[in-house]
Amino acid sequence: MLPLRHERLWLIASLVLLLVVLAAALVPSVWFWNDKVRVLSWFDNFDKWLHAITFLVLAIWFAGQHGKHAYWRIAVGLLLFGLMIELCQFMVSYRSASLADFGANTAGIITGLAVAAAGLGGWSLRVEDWFAARNTGIG
């Protein structure tokens, strides 16, 4: 982990974020219209995009607290988290597991870590520095 001033806060926020993603993946889908296909016809593969974007955000989130040397661990951890979500969805009757969802997760992780490697990684240090400067009146 990067030398963060508020490491415990970042860890708690990370745990909450993972729990929110897990809960969202396991709650029954709620559709306010009778014909789900008709509603989503404007956006092909909506679910796959949602998986990819979610895991892109997770990859960038964790790259914010860890150096580039740990990106492979972030990738492995998120891949295992995605696999766990698919296994949990397989075990409940109202959701379905999909290899394509896992593929979308993987694409999101790769894209997120590429964005982080291009300069967004370590963003949490910059956030802490900004707050510290703001609270001391510097900058």
N, C-alpha and C. Protein backbone atom coordinates (compact mmCIF):
# COMPACT_ATOMS: atom_id res chain seq x y z
N MET A 1 0.85 -1.18 0.00
CA MET A 1 0.00 0.00 0.00
C MET A 1 0.89 1.24 0.00
N LEU A 2 0.40 2.27 -0.66
CA LEU A 2 1.14 3.53 -0.69
C LEU A 2 1.16 4.14 0.71
N PRO A 3 2.10 5.04 0.98
CA PRO A 3 2.18 5.66 2.32
C PRO A 3 1.06 6.70 2.52
N LEU A 4 -0.11 6.22 2.79
CA LEU A 4 -1.28 7.09 2.94
C LEU A 4 -1.43 7.55 4.38
N ARG A 5 -1.84 8.79 4.56
CA ARG A 5 -2.05 9.32 5.90
C ARG A 5 -3.24 8.64 6.59
N HIS A 6 -4.23 8.29 5.80
CA HIS A 6 -5.47 7.74 6.34
C HIS A 6 -5.69 6.32 5.81
N GLU A 7 -4.70 5.48 5.99
CA GLU A 7 -4.73 4.13 5.45
C GLU A 7 -5.96 3.36 5.91
N ARG A 8 -6.29 3.46 7.18
CA ARG A 8 -7.45 2.73 7.71
C ARG A 8 -8.75 3.19 7.03
N LEU A 9 -8.88 4.48 6.81
CA LEU A 9 -10.07 5.00 6.14
C LEU A 9 -10.18 4.46 4.72
N TRP A 10 -9.05 4.41 4.00
CA TRP A 10 -9.05 3.88 2.65
C TRP A 10 -9.41 2.39 2.65
N LEU A 11 -8.92 1.65 3.63
CA LEU A 11 -9.24 0.22 3.72
C LEU A 11 -10.73 0.00 3.99
N ILE A 12 -11.28 0.79 4.89
CA ILE A 12 -12.71 0.68 5.20
C ILE A 12 -13.54 1.04 3.97
N ALA A 13 -13.17 2.13 3.30
CA ALA A 13 -13.90 2.54 2.10
C ALA A 13 -13.81 1.45 1.02
N SER A 14 -12.66 0.81 0.90
CA SER A 14 -12.49 -0.27 -0.08
C SER A 14 -13.38 -1.45 0.24
N LEU A 15 -13.44 -1.82 1.51
CA LEU A 15 -14.30 -2.92 1.93
C LEU A 15 -15.77 -2.60 1.67
N VAL A 16 -16.19 -1.39 1.98
CA VAL A 16 -17.57 -0.98 1.74
C VAL A 16 -17.87 -1.02 0.24
N LEU A 17 -16.93 -0.54 -0.57
CA LEU A 17 -17.13 -0.56 -2.02
C LEU A 17 -17.32 -1.98 -2.53
N LEU A 18 -16.48 -2.91 -2.08
CA LEU A 18 -16.61 -4.30 -2.50
C LEU A 18 -17.94 -4.90 -2.04
N LEU A 19 -18.36 -4.58 -0.82
CA LEU A 19 -19.64 -5.10 -0.33
C LEU A 19 -20.82 -4.54 -1.11
N VAL A 20 -20.74 -3.28 -1.51
CA VAL A 20 -21.81 -2.67 -2.31
C VAL A 20 -21.88 -3.35 -3.68
N VAL A 21 -20.73 -3.60 -4.29
CA VAL A 21 -20.71 -4.28 -5.60
C VAL A 21 -21.28 -5.69 -5.46
N LEU A 22 -20.87 -6.41 -4.42
CA LEU A 22 -21.38 -7.77 -4.20
C LEU A 22 -22.89 -7.75 -3.98
N ALA A 23 -23.36 -6.83 -3.15
CA ALA A 23 -24.81 -6.73 -2.90
C ALA A 23 -25.57 -6.40 -4.18
N ALA A 24 -25.03 -5.47 -4.97
CA ALA A 24 -25.70 -5.11 -6.22
C ALA A 24 -25.75 -6.29 -7.19
N ALA A 25 -24.72 -7.12 -7.14
CA ALA A 25 -24.68 -8.28 -8.04
C ALA A 25 -25.64 -9.38 -7.60
N LEU A 26 -26.05 -9.36 -6.34
CA LEU A 26 -26.87 -10.45 -5.82
C LEU A 26 -28.32 -10.09 -5.56
N VAL A 27 -28.66 -8.81 -5.57
CA VAL A 27 -30.06 -8.46 -5.36
C VAL A 27 -30.86 -8.83 -6.61
N PRO A 28 -32.11 -9.16 -6.44
CA PRO A 28 -32.93 -9.47 -7.63
C PRO A 28 -33.02 -8.24 -8.53
N SER A 29 -33.00 -8.48 -9.81
CA SER A 29 -33.17 -7.38 -10.76
C SER A 29 -34.59 -6.85 -10.64
N VAL A 30 -34.72 -5.55 -10.62
CA VAL A 30 -36.03 -4.91 -10.52
C VAL A 30 -36.29 -4.19 -11.83
N TRP A 31 -37.35 -4.57 -12.47
CA TRP A 31 -37.74 -3.92 -13.72
C TRP A 31 -39.12 -3.31 -13.52
N PHE A 32 -39.23 -2.04 -13.88
CA PHE A 32 -40.50 -1.35 -13.70
C PHE A 32 -41.40 -1.51 -14.91
N TRP A 33 -40.89 -2.19 -15.92
CA TRP A 33 -41.69 -2.47 -17.09
C TRP A 33 -41.78 -3.98 -17.24
N ASN A 34 -42.83 -4.43 -17.87
CA ASN A 34 -43.02 -5.87 -18.01
C ASN A 34 -42.05 -6.51 -18.99
N ASP A 35 -41.63 -5.77 -19.99
CA ASP A 35 -40.80 -6.35 -21.04
C ASP A 35 -39.37 -5.82 -20.95
N LYS A 36 -38.53 -6.54 -20.22
CA LYS A 36 -37.15 -6.13 -20.02
C LYS A 36 -36.41 -5.97 -21.35
N VAL A 37 -36.66 -6.86 -22.28
CA VAL A 37 -35.97 -6.81 -23.57
C VAL A 37 -36.32 -5.53 -24.31
N ARG A 38 -37.58 -5.15 -24.28
CA ARG A 38 -38.01 -3.93 -24.96
C ARG A 38 -37.36 -2.70 -24.33
N VAL A 39 -37.26 -2.68 -23.02
CA VAL A 39 -36.69 -1.54 -22.32
C VAL A 39 -35.22 -1.38 -22.66
N LEU A 40 -34.48 -2.49 -22.72
CA LEU A 40 -33.04 -2.40 -22.94
C LEU A 40 -32.63 -2.57 -24.40
N SER A 41 -33.58 -2.59 -25.31
CA SER A 41 -33.23 -2.79 -26.71
C SER A 41 -32.36 -1.65 -27.25
N TRP A 42 -32.42 -0.50 -26.62
CA TRP A 42 -31.61 0.64 -27.05
C TRP A 42 -30.14 0.46 -26.69
N PHE A 43 -29.84 -0.49 -25.84
CA PHE A 43 -28.47 -0.64 -25.37
C PHE A 43 -28.11 -2.12 -25.37
N ASP A 44 -27.53 -2.57 -26.46
CA ASP A 44 -27.15 -3.98 -26.57
C ASP A 44 -26.11 -4.34 -25.52
N ASN A 45 -26.27 -5.50 -24.96
CA ASN A 45 -25.32 -6.02 -23.97
C ASN A 45 -25.13 -5.09 -22.77
N PHE A 46 -26.19 -4.48 -22.31
CA PHE A 46 -26.13 -3.55 -21.18
C PHE A 46 -25.44 -4.18 -19.98
N ASP A 47 -25.78 -5.42 -19.68
CA ASP A 47 -25.20 -6.10 -18.52
C ASP A 47 -23.69 -6.24 -18.64
N LYS A 48 -23.20 -6.54 -19.83
CA LYS A 48 -21.75 -6.70 -20.02
C LYS A 48 -21.04 -5.36 -19.83
N TRP A 49 -21.63 -4.30 -20.35
CA TRP A 49 -21.05 -2.97 -20.15
C TRP A 49 -21.02 -2.61 -18.67
N LEU A 50 -22.08 -2.96 -17.96
CA LEU A 50 -22.14 -2.67 -16.53
C LEU A 50 -21.04 -3.42 -15.78
N HIS A 51 -20.82 -4.68 -16.12
CA HIS A 51 -19.73 -5.45 -15.51
C HIS A 51 -18.38 -4.80 -15.81
N ALA A 52 -18.15 -4.46 -17.07
CA ALA A 52 -16.85 -3.89 -17.46
C ALA A 52 -16.60 -2.56 -16.76
N ILE A 53 -17.60 -1.71 -16.72
CA ILE A 53 -17.43 -0.40 -16.08
C ILE A 53 -17.22 -0.55 -14.58
N THR A 54 -17.96 -1.46 -13.96
CA THR A 54 -17.80 -1.68 -12.53
C THR A 54 -16.39 -2.12 -12.21
N PHE A 55 -15.86 -3.07 -12.97
CA PHE A 55 -14.52 -3.57 -12.68
C PHE A 55 -13.43 -2.59 -13.12
N LEU A 56 -13.70 -1.75 -14.10
CA LEU A 56 -12.78 -0.67 -14.44
C LEU A 56 -12.65 0.28 -13.25
N VAL A 57 -13.79 0.67 -12.67
CA VAL A 57 -13.78 1.57 -11.51
C VAL A 57 -13.07 0.91 -10.33
N LEU A 58 -13.34 -0.37 -10.09
CA LEU A 58 -12.67 -1.06 -8.99
C LEU A 58 -11.16 -1.10 -9.20
N ALA A 59 -10.72 -1.36 -10.43
CA ALA A 59 -9.27 -1.41 -10.71
C ALA A 59 -8.63 -0.04 -10.47
N ILE A 60 -9.27 1.01 -10.93
CA ILE A 60 -8.74 2.36 -10.70
C ILE A 60 -8.77 2.70 -9.22
N TRP A 61 -9.81 2.29 -8.52
CA TRP A 61 -9.91 2.55 -7.08
C TRP A 61 -8.71 1.93 -6.35
N PHE A 62 -8.46 0.65 -6.59
CA PHE A 62 -7.38 -0.03 -5.88
C PHE A 62 -6.01 0.42 -6.36
N ALA A 63 -5.88 0.82 -7.62
CA ALA A 63 -4.61 1.37 -8.11
C ALA A 63 -4.32 2.71 -7.45
N GLY A 64 -5.34 3.34 -6.91
CA GLY A 64 -5.15 4.59 -6.19
C GLY A 64 -4.47 4.42 -4.86
N GLN A 65 -4.55 3.23 -4.29
CA GLN A 65 -3.94 2.98 -2.98
C GLN A 65 -2.66 2.15 -3.05
N HIS A 66 -2.32 1.66 -4.23
CA HIS A 66 -1.17 0.76 -4.38
C HIS A 66 -0.27 1.23 -5.52
N GLY A 67 1.01 0.92 -5.41
CA GLY A 67 1.96 1.26 -6.45
C GLY A 67 1.84 0.32 -7.64
N LYS A 68 2.52 0.67 -8.73
CA LYS A 68 2.46 -0.13 -9.96
C LYS A 68 2.95 -1.55 -9.74
N HIS A 69 3.86 -1.73 -8.80
CA HIS A 69 4.38 -3.07 -8.53
C HIS A 69 3.29 -4.02 -8.03
N ALA A 70 2.19 -3.48 -7.55
CA ALA A 70 1.10 -4.31 -7.00
C ALA A 70 -0.06 -4.48 -7.98
N TYR A 71 0.04 -3.95 -9.18
CA TYR A 71 -1.08 -4.03 -10.12
C TYR A 71 -1.43 -5.48 -10.45
N TRP A 72 -0.45 -6.34 -10.52
CA TRP A 72 -0.76 -7.74 -10.82
C TRP A 72 -1.58 -8.35 -9.69
N ARG A 73 -1.31 -7.94 -8.43
CA ARG A 73 -2.12 -8.45 -7.30
C ARG A 73 -3.53 -7.89 -7.34
N ILE A 74 -3.65 -6.64 -7.75
CA ILE A 74 -4.98 -6.06 -7.91
C ILE A 74 -5.75 -6.84 -8.96
N ALA A 75 -5.10 -7.14 -10.08
CA ALA A 75 -5.75 -7.89 -11.16
C ALA A 75 -6.20 -9.26 -10.68
N VAL A 76 -5.32 -9.98 -10.00
CA VAL A 76 -5.67 -11.32 -9.50
C VAL A 76 -6.80 -11.24 -8.49
N GLY A 77 -6.71 -10.29 -7.56
CA GLY A 77 -7.76 -10.14 -6.55
C GLY A 77 -9.11 -9.82 -7.16
N LEU A 78 -9.13 -8.92 -8.13
CA LEU A 78 -10.40 -8.56 -8.77
C LEU A 78 -10.93 -9.68 -9.64
N LEU A 79 -10.04 -10.43 -10.29
CA LEU A 79 -10.49 -11.60 -11.06
C LEU A 79 -11.15 -12.62 -10.13
N LEU A 80 -10.54 -12.85 -8.97
CA LEU A 80 -11.13 -13.79 -8.00
C LEU A 80 -12.45 -13.25 -7.45
N PHE A 81 -12.51 -11.94 -7.22
CA PHE A 81 -13.76 -11.33 -6.76
C PHE A 81 -14.85 -11.49 -7.81
N GLY A 82 -14.51 -11.28 -9.08
CA GLY A 82 -15.47 -11.47 -10.17
C GLY A 82 -15.93 -12.91 -10.27
N LEU A 83 -15.00 -13.84 -10.09
CA LEU A 83 -15.35 -15.26 -10.11
C LEU A 83 -16.28 -15.59 -8.95
N MET A 84 -16.00 -15.02 -7.77
CA MET A 84 -16.85 -15.25 -6.61
C MET A 84 -18.27 -14.72 -6.87
N ILE A 85 -18.37 -13.56 -7.49
CA ILE A 85 -19.69 -13.01 -7.81
C ILE A 85 -20.45 -13.95 -8.74
N GLU A 86 -19.78 -14.44 -9.78
CA GLU A 86 -20.45 -15.35 -10.71
C GLU A 86 -20.87 -16.65 -10.01
N LEU A 87 -20.04 -17.16 -9.13
CA LEU A 87 -20.41 -18.38 -8.38
C LEU A 87 -21.60 -18.12 -7.46
N CYS A 88 -21.62 -16.96 -6.82
CA CYS A 88 -22.76 -16.62 -5.97
C CYS A 88 -24.03 -16.46 -6.79
N GLN A 89 -23.90 -15.85 -7.97
CA GLN A 89 -25.08 -15.70 -8.84
C GLN A 89 -25.57 -17.05 -9.34
N PHE A 90 -24.66 -17.98 -9.53
CA PHE A 90 -25.03 -19.33 -9.95
C PHE A 90 -25.83 -20.03 -8.85
N MET A 91 -25.53 -19.71 -7.59
CA MET A 91 -26.17 -20.40 -6.46
C MET A 91 -27.53 -19.84 -6.09
N VAL A 92 -27.88 -18.66 -6.59
CA VAL A 92 -29.21 -18.12 -6.30
C VAL A 92 -30.10 -18.32 -7.52
N SER A 93 -31.37 -18.53 -7.27
CA SER A 93 -32.29 -18.88 -8.36
C SER A 93 -32.68 -17.68 -9.23
N TYR A 94 -32.58 -16.48 -8.71
CA TYR A 94 -33.08 -15.31 -9.41
C TYR A 94 -32.00 -14.55 -10.18
N ARG A 95 -30.78 -15.04 -10.19
CA ARG A 95 -29.68 -14.45 -10.99
C ARG A 95 -29.05 -15.55 -11.82
N SER A 96 -28.28 -15.18 -12.81
CA SER A 96 -27.61 -16.19 -13.62
C SER A 96 -26.13 -15.84 -13.77
N ALA A 97 -25.31 -16.87 -13.71
CA ALA A 97 -23.88 -16.71 -13.91
C ALA A 97 -23.58 -16.77 -15.41
N SER A 98 -22.51 -16.11 -15.80
CA SER A 98 -22.19 -16.08 -17.22
C SER A 98 -20.69 -15.94 -17.41
N LEU A 99 -20.14 -16.74 -18.29
CA LEU A 99 -18.74 -16.63 -18.64
C LEU A 99 -18.48 -15.29 -19.35
N ALA A 100 -19.48 -14.82 -20.08
CA ALA A 100 -19.35 -13.52 -20.76
C ALA A 100 -19.25 -12.39 -19.74
N ASP A 101 -19.96 -12.49 -18.61
CA ASP A 101 -19.83 -11.50 -17.55
C ASP A 101 -18.41 -11.49 -17.00
N PHE A 102 -17.84 -12.67 -16.80
CA PHE A 102 -16.47 -12.77 -16.31
C PHE A 102 -15.50 -12.17 -17.33
N GLY A 103 -15.77 -12.37 -18.60
CA GLY A 103 -14.96 -11.74 -19.65
C GLY A 103 -15.05 -10.23 -19.61
N ALA A 104 -16.25 -9.71 -19.37
CA ALA A 104 -16.43 -8.27 -19.26
C ALA A 104 -15.70 -7.72 -18.03
N ASN A 105 -15.76 -8.47 -16.93
CA ASN A 105 -15.01 -8.08 -15.73
C ASN A 105 -13.53 -7.96 -16.06
N THR A 106 -13.02 -8.97 -16.76
CA THR A 106 -11.60 -9.00 -17.12
C THR A 106 -11.23 -7.82 -18.01
N ALA A 107 -12.07 -7.51 -18.97
CA ALA A 107 -11.81 -6.36 -19.84
C ALA A 107 -11.80 -5.06 -19.03
N GLY A 108 -12.70 -4.94 -18.08
CA GLY A 108 -12.73 -3.75 -17.22
C GLY A 108 -11.48 -3.64 -16.37
N ILE A 109 -11.01 -4.75 -15.83
CA ILE A 109 -9.81 -4.75 -15.00
C ILE A 109 -8.60 -4.33 -15.84
N ILE A 110 -8.44 -4.92 -17.00
CA ILE A 110 -7.30 -4.60 -17.86
C ILE A 110 -7.33 -3.12 -18.26
N THR A 111 -8.50 -2.64 -18.64
CA THR A 111 -8.63 -1.23 -19.04
C THR A 111 -8.35 -0.31 -17.87
N GLY A 112 -8.91 -0.64 -16.70
CA GLY A 112 -8.70 0.19 -15.52
C GLY A 112 -7.24 0.27 -15.10
N LEU A 113 -6.55 -0.86 -15.13
CA LEU A 113 -5.14 -0.86 -14.76
C LEU A 113 -4.29 -0.16 -15.81
N ALA A 114 -4.69 -0.23 -17.08
CA ALA A 114 -3.98 0.51 -18.13
C ALA A 114 -4.14 2.02 -17.92
N VAL A 115 -5.34 2.44 -17.58
CA VAL A 115 -5.58 3.86 -17.29
C VAL A 115 -4.77 4.29 -16.07
N ALA A 116 -4.73 3.44 -15.06
CA ALA A 116 -3.95 3.75 -13.86
C ALA A 116 -2.47 3.84 -14.19
N ALA A 117 -1.96 2.92 -14.98
CA ALA A 117 -0.54 2.93 -15.36
C ALA A 117 -0.20 4.15 -16.21
N ALA A 118 -1.18 4.66 -16.93
CA ALA A 118 -0.96 5.84 -17.77
C ALA A 118 -0.92 7.14 -16.98
N GLY A 119 -1.18 7.07 -15.68
CA GLY A 119 -1.07 8.28 -14.88
C GLY A 119 -2.09 8.47 -13.79
N LEU A 120 -3.15 7.69 -13.77
CA LEU A 120 -4.18 7.88 -12.75
C LEU A 120 -3.88 7.10 -11.47
N GLY A 121 -2.94 6.17 -11.54
CA GLY A 121 -2.58 5.40 -10.35
C GLY A 121 -2.05 6.30 -9.25
N GLY A 122 -2.27 5.91 -8.03
CA GLY A 122 -1.82 6.70 -6.88
C GLY A 122 -2.65 7.94 -6.63
N TRP A 123 -3.82 7.99 -7.23
CA TRP A 123 -4.68 9.17 -7.11
C TRP A 123 -5.04 9.48 -5.66
N SER A 124 -5.10 8.48 -4.80
CA SER A 124 -5.49 8.73 -3.41
C SER A 124 -4.45 9.57 -2.67
N LEU A 125 -3.16 9.42 -3.04
CA LEU A 125 -2.13 10.28 -2.45
C LEU A 125 -2.36 11.74 -2.84
N ARG A 126 -2.73 11.95 -4.10
CA ARG A 126 -3.00 13.32 -4.56
C ARG A 126 -4.24 13.89 -3.87
N VAL A 127 -5.24 13.05 -3.63
CA VAL A 127 -6.43 13.51 -2.90
C VAL A 127 -6.06 13.90 -1.47
N GLU A 128 -5.27 13.07 -0.80
CA GLU A 128 -4.85 13.39 0.56
C GLU A 128 -4.01 14.67 0.60
N ASP A 129 -3.10 14.83 -0.36
CA ASP A 129 -2.29 16.04 -0.42
C ASP A 129 -3.15 17.27 -0.65
N TRP A 130 -4.16 17.14 -1.52
CA TRP A 130 -5.04 18.26 -1.79
C TRP A 130 -5.80 18.67 -0.53
N PHE A 131 -6.34 17.66 0.21
CA PHE A 131 -7.07 17.97 1.44
C PHE A 131 -6.15 18.57 2.49
N ALA A 132 -4.92 18.05 2.60
CA ALA A 132 -3.98 18.58 3.58
C ALA A 132 -3.63 20.04 3.26
N ALA A 133 -3.39 20.33 1.99
CA ALA A 133 -3.08 21.70 1.59
C ALA A 133 -4.28 22.62 1.81
N ARG A 134 -5.45 22.11 1.55
CA ARG A 134 -6.68 22.89 1.72
C ARG A 134 -6.91 23.22 3.19
N ASN A 135 -6.66 22.24 4.06
CA ASN A 135 -6.89 22.45 5.49
C ASN A 135 -5.83 23.32 6.15
N THR A 136 -4.64 23.41 5.56
CA THR A 136 -3.59 24.27 6.12
C THR A 136 -3.56 25.63 5.46
N GLY A 137 -4.36 25.81 4.41
CA GLY A 137 -4.42 27.09 3.73
C GLY A 137 -3.34 27.25 2.68
N ILE A 138 -2.62 26.17 2.36
CA ILE A 138 -1.58 26.24 1.34
C ILE A 138 -2.19 25.84 0.01
N GLY A 139 -1.87 26.55 -1.04
CA GLY A 139 -2.32 26.19 -2.39
C GLY A 139 -3.70 26.54 -2.60
